Protein backbone atom coordinates (compact mmCIF):
# COMPACT_ATOMS: atom_id res chain seq x y z
CA MET A 1 20.63 13.09 14.21
CA LYS A 2 21.83 15.66 11.91
CA LYS A 3 18.21 16.26 10.59
CA ASN A 4 16.95 16.70 14.04
CA VAL A 5 19.59 19.33 14.65
CA LEU A 6 18.93 21.19 11.42
CA LEU A 7 15.35 21.29 12.26
CA THR A 8 16.06 22.36 15.74
CA VAL A 9 18.34 25.33 14.52
CA ALA A 10 15.66 26.44 12.03
CA ILE A 11 12.75 26.48 14.41
CA LEU A 12 14.82 28.49 17.41
CA ILE A 13 16.09 31.05 14.95
CA SER A 14 12.63 31.53 13.42
CA PHE A 15 11.17 32.89 16.78
CA SER A 16 14.16 35.15 17.55
CA SER A 17 13.00 38.72 17.79
CA PHE A 18 16.55 39.86 17.12
CA SER A 19 16.57 38.80 13.50
CA GLN A 20 15.19 40.85 10.65
CA VAL A 21 16.17 38.10 8.13
CA TYR A 22 13.70 35.31 7.02
CA THR A 23 15.35 32.44 8.57
CA VAL A 24 13.04 29.48 7.84
CA LYS A 25 10.50 28.30 5.29
CA ILE A 26 7.39 26.16 5.35
CA ALA A 27 6.10 24.09 2.43
CA LYS A 28 3.13 22.55 0.56
CA LEU A 29 3.18 19.16 -0.35
CA LYS A 30 3.10 18.00 -3.98
CA TYR A 31 1.84 14.44 -4.35
CA GLY A 32 0.87 12.02 -6.94
CA GLY A 33 -2.30 10.40 -7.84
CA GLY A 34 -4.21 13.08 -9.61
CA GLY A 35 -5.49 15.21 -6.89
CA ASP A 36 -5.30 18.81 -6.80
CA TRP A 37 -2.45 19.30 -4.38
CA TYR A 38 -2.06 22.94 -5.73
CA ALA A 39 -5.37 24.14 -4.33
CA ASN A 40 -6.05 27.16 -2.47
CA LYS A 41 -3.11 29.28 -3.83
CA THR A 42 -3.17 32.22 -1.55
CA SER A 43 -3.84 30.39 1.88
CA VAL A 44 -0.31 29.41 2.82
CA PRO A 45 1.14 32.97 2.10
CA ASN A 46 -1.56 34.53 3.95
CA LEU A 47 -0.99 32.12 6.98
CA ILE A 48 2.69 33.03 6.82
CA ASN A 49 1.99 36.74 6.83
CA PHE A 50 -0.50 36.12 9.72
CA CYS A 51 2.06 34.19 11.88
CA ASN A 52 4.99 36.64 11.15
CA LYS A 53 2.69 39.46 12.49
CA ASN A 54 1.15 37.59 15.32
CA LEU A 55 3.52 34.95 16.46
CA LYS A 56 6.75 37.09 15.54
CA THR A 57 7.99 34.38 13.47
CA ASN A 58 10.55 34.95 10.75
CA LEU A 59 8.94 32.70 7.97
CA PHE A 60 9.72 33.38 4.44
CA PRO A 61 6.63 35.07 2.88
CA GLU A 62 5.98 32.18 -0.06
CA GLU A 63 5.73 28.61 0.82
CA ASP A 64 8.13 25.99 -1.10
CA ILE A 65 6.63 23.07 -2.96
CA ILE A 66 8.06 19.86 -1.81
CA GLU A 67 7.67 16.20 -2.76
CA PRO A 68 7.12 13.61 -0.37
CA GLY A 69 9.98 11.50 -1.60
CA ASP A 70 12.54 14.60 -1.82
CA LYS A 71 15.30 14.29 0.68
CA LYS A 72 15.23 18.15 0.99
CA ILE A 73 11.90 17.56 3.04
CA PHE A 74 14.07 17.84 6.24
CA GLN A 75 14.56 21.56 5.73
CA TYR A 76 11.05 22.23 6.63
CA PRO A 77 9.58 22.08 10.04
CA PHE A 78 6.09 22.48 9.02
CA ILE A 79 4.45 21.10 5.66
CA HIS A 80 0.76 21.69 4.66
CA MET A 81 -1.17 19.20 2.22
CA THR A 82 -4.49 19.90 0.73
CA GLY A 83 -6.87 18.78 -2.09
CA HIS A 84 -9.94 17.24 -3.23
CA GLY A 85 -9.01 13.94 -4.90
CA ASN A 86 -6.78 11.08 -4.94
CA VAL A 87 -3.39 10.79 -3.27
CA ILE A 88 -0.68 8.11 -3.83
CA PHE A 89 2.54 7.74 -2.04
CA ASN A 90 4.77 5.00 -3.37
CA GLU A 91 6.93 3.06 -1.11
CA GLY A 92 10.05 5.44 -1.20
CA GLU A 93 7.66 8.38 -0.56
CA ALA A 94 6.28 6.82 2.29
CA LYS A 95 9.53 5.95 3.88
CA ASN A 96 10.84 9.29 3.38
CA LEU A 97 7.71 10.99 4.78
CA ARG A 98 7.87 8.58 7.86
CA ASN A 99 11.53 9.43 8.62
CA TYR A 100 10.66 13.31 8.21
CA LEU A 101 7.80 13.06 10.70
CA ILE A 102 9.68 10.91 13.31
CA SER A 103 12.68 12.98 12.90
CA GLY A 104 10.85 16.25 14.15
CA GLY A 105 8.71 17.34 11.05
CA PHE A 106 4.91 18.12 11.07
CA LEU A 107 2.48 17.52 8.59
CA HIS A 108 -0.86 19.26 8.37
CA ILE A 109 -3.48 17.76 6.17
CA ASP A 110 -6.41 19.85 5.23
CA ASP A 111 -9.36 17.98 3.76
CA ASN A 112 -10.57 20.36 1.02
CA TYR A 113 -13.54 17.88 0.34
CA GLY A 114 -12.92 14.57 -0.95
CA LEU A 115 -9.48 13.83 0.40
CA ASN A 116 -10.53 11.84 3.55
CA GLN A 117 -10.83 8.41 1.86
CA PHE A 118 -7.45 8.81 0.07
CA ILE A 119 -5.27 10.07 2.75
CA ARG A 120 -6.38 7.68 5.41
CA ARG A 121 -5.29 4.89 2.88
CA GLU A 122 -1.97 6.49 2.13
CA MET A 123 -1.09 7.44 5.69
CA LYS A 124 -1.22 3.72 6.68
CA LYS A 125 1.62 3.23 4.25
CA VAL A 126 3.70 5.80 6.44
CA PHE A 127 2.55 4.55 9.65
CA PRO A 128 1.08 1.10 9.19
CA GLU A 129 1.22 0.83 13.06
CA HIS A 130 -1.00 4.01 13.80
CA ASP A 131 -4.51 5.04 13.29
CA PHE A 132 -5.75 8.59 12.97
CA ILE A 133 -7.42 9.31 16.44
CA GLU A 134 -9.92 12.17 17.10
CA ILE A 135 -7.98 14.82 19.09
CA PRO A 136 -9.56 15.90 22.53
CA PHE A 137 -10.44 19.54 22.76
CA SER A 138 -8.17 19.78 25.75
CA HIS A 139 -5.11 18.96 23.56
CA PRO A 140 -2.39 21.80 23.66
CA ILE A 141 -2.83 22.07 19.74
CA TYR A 142 -6.04 24.04 20.46
CA HIS A 143 -4.53 26.03 23.14
CA GLN A 144 -1.51 27.73 21.91
CA LYS A 145 -1.54 31.57 21.38
CA TYR A 146 -5.48 31.29 20.71
CA GLN A 147 -8.03 29.36 22.58
CA PHE A 148 -10.21 26.98 20.69
CA ASN A 149 -12.15 25.53 23.47
CA LYS A 150 -14.47 23.65 21.24
CA GLY A 151 -11.77 22.35 18.72
CA LEU A 152 -11.61 23.52 15.00
CA PRO A 153 -13.67 26.25 13.84
CA LYS A 154 -16.13 25.64 10.98
CA ILE A 155 -15.32 27.52 8.02
CA HIS A 156 -17.07 25.99 5.14
CA GLU A 157 -20.13 23.40 4.99
CA HIS A 158 -19.41 20.09 3.25
CA ASP A 159 -21.95 17.42 4.61
CA ASN A 160 -23.57 18.87 7.58
CA LYS A 161 -20.96 17.32 9.82
CA PRO A 162 -19.10 19.05 12.55
CA PRO A 163 -15.47 20.03 12.04
CA GLN A 164 -13.09 17.15 13.37
CA GLY A 165 -9.32 17.15 14.11
CA PHE A 166 -7.73 13.90 13.74
CA GLY A 167 -4.00 13.02 14.66
CA ILE A 168 -1.25 10.50 14.23
CA PHE A 169 0.73 9.92 17.49
CA HIS A 170 4.10 8.36 17.35
CA GLU A 171 5.68 7.35 20.30
CA GLY A 172 3.48 9.81 22.14
CA LYS A 173 3.94 12.77 20.08
CA LEU A 174 1.52 14.24 17.59
CA VAL A 175 3.20 14.30 14.19
CA CYS A 176 0.38 14.82 11.85
CA PHE A 177 -2.95 16.75 12.26
CA PHE A 178 -5.88 16.18 9.89
CA SER A 179 -8.63 18.85 9.71
CA TYR A 180 -11.58 17.35 8.43
CA GLU A 181 -15.17 18.97 7.67
CA CYS A 182 -13.51 22.40 8.42
CA ASP A 183 -11.68 23.76 5.45
CA LEU A 184 -9.11 25.91 7.28
CA GLY A 185 -7.23 26.36 4.01
CA ASN A 186 -10.24 28.02 2.38
CA GLY A 187 -10.30 30.23 5.15
CA TRP A 188 -6.70 31.27 4.83
CA GLU A 189 -7.47 32.42 1.37
CA ASP A 190 -7.67 35.98 0.13
CA ALA A 191 -10.99 37.53 1.18
CA SER A 192 -12.11 37.88 -2.48
CA VAL A 193 -11.78 34.12 -3.14
CA TYR A 194 -14.72 32.96 -1.14
CA ASN A 195 -16.27 36.07 0.16
CA ASP A 196 -15.90 34.89 3.78
CA SER A 197 -16.59 37.34 6.51
CA GLU A 198 -13.38 38.81 8.17
CA SER A 199 -14.38 37.00 11.66
CA VAL A 200 -14.38 33.63 9.68
CA ARG A 201 -11.24 34.20 8.21
CA GLN A 202 -9.58 35.36 11.40
CA GLU A 203 -10.74 32.18 13.17
CA ALA A 204 -9.06 30.04 10.37
CA LEU A 205 -5.94 32.01 10.55
CA LYS A 206 -5.55 31.83 14.30
CA MET A 207 -6.29 27.96 14.09
CA GLY A 208 -3.48 27.70 11.55
CA ALA A 209 -1.23 29.83 13.65
CA ASN A 210 -1.81 27.43 16.52
CA LEU A 211 -0.68 24.58 14.21
CA VAL A 212 2.51 26.39 13.35
CA GLN A 213 3.20 27.48 16.90
CA PHE A 214 2.51 23.93 17.99
CA ALA A 215 4.71 22.29 15.35
CA PHE A 216 7.58 24.64 16.18
CA SER A 217 7.46 24.63 19.85
CA ASN A 218 6.80 20.95 20.42
CA TYR A 219 9.75 19.79 18.32
């Protein structure tokens, strides 16, 4: 219960237009297994800046780094995870991550290409009773401040597949969103990193803002 209260207080304060102080942080997940959890170094700070300007959040300008087994994970209403390679959660990490998600936390997993097979295996340790299911375009996550009537925007090409959003639902609540064949995080990066057009970057940032807003407002 205390963990729920902490998250609730942080979320409510973060949307207050009266506070000029950064009141809540979001984090990037540092996982084991050898995958490059640290990919897309400018992406989350850029998303934070976009949310502060357009959602009027009071997010701290830089993301924190958190490990799945760290008890401090409950301080973060929203955690972003990315990479290209292997992921391994040990038993303690899987249990802690599960407790975080069922206590009100939200995990966004962004496949930077090559993450899919590993994250599906490891999330089964977290929620053995649940599978990722494709999220319909009518789901509220696509209809927060910004409207995405056709689901995720396509940012970078991988294997000539359409972008897909998958989710894990626990007791009817979406607790984990997995963006696949999309590369949202690449679209959040500084423009100079991939030379994406501003229109593409804006679509990526808007969808990212929807994820943050959904995570915060649906706690």
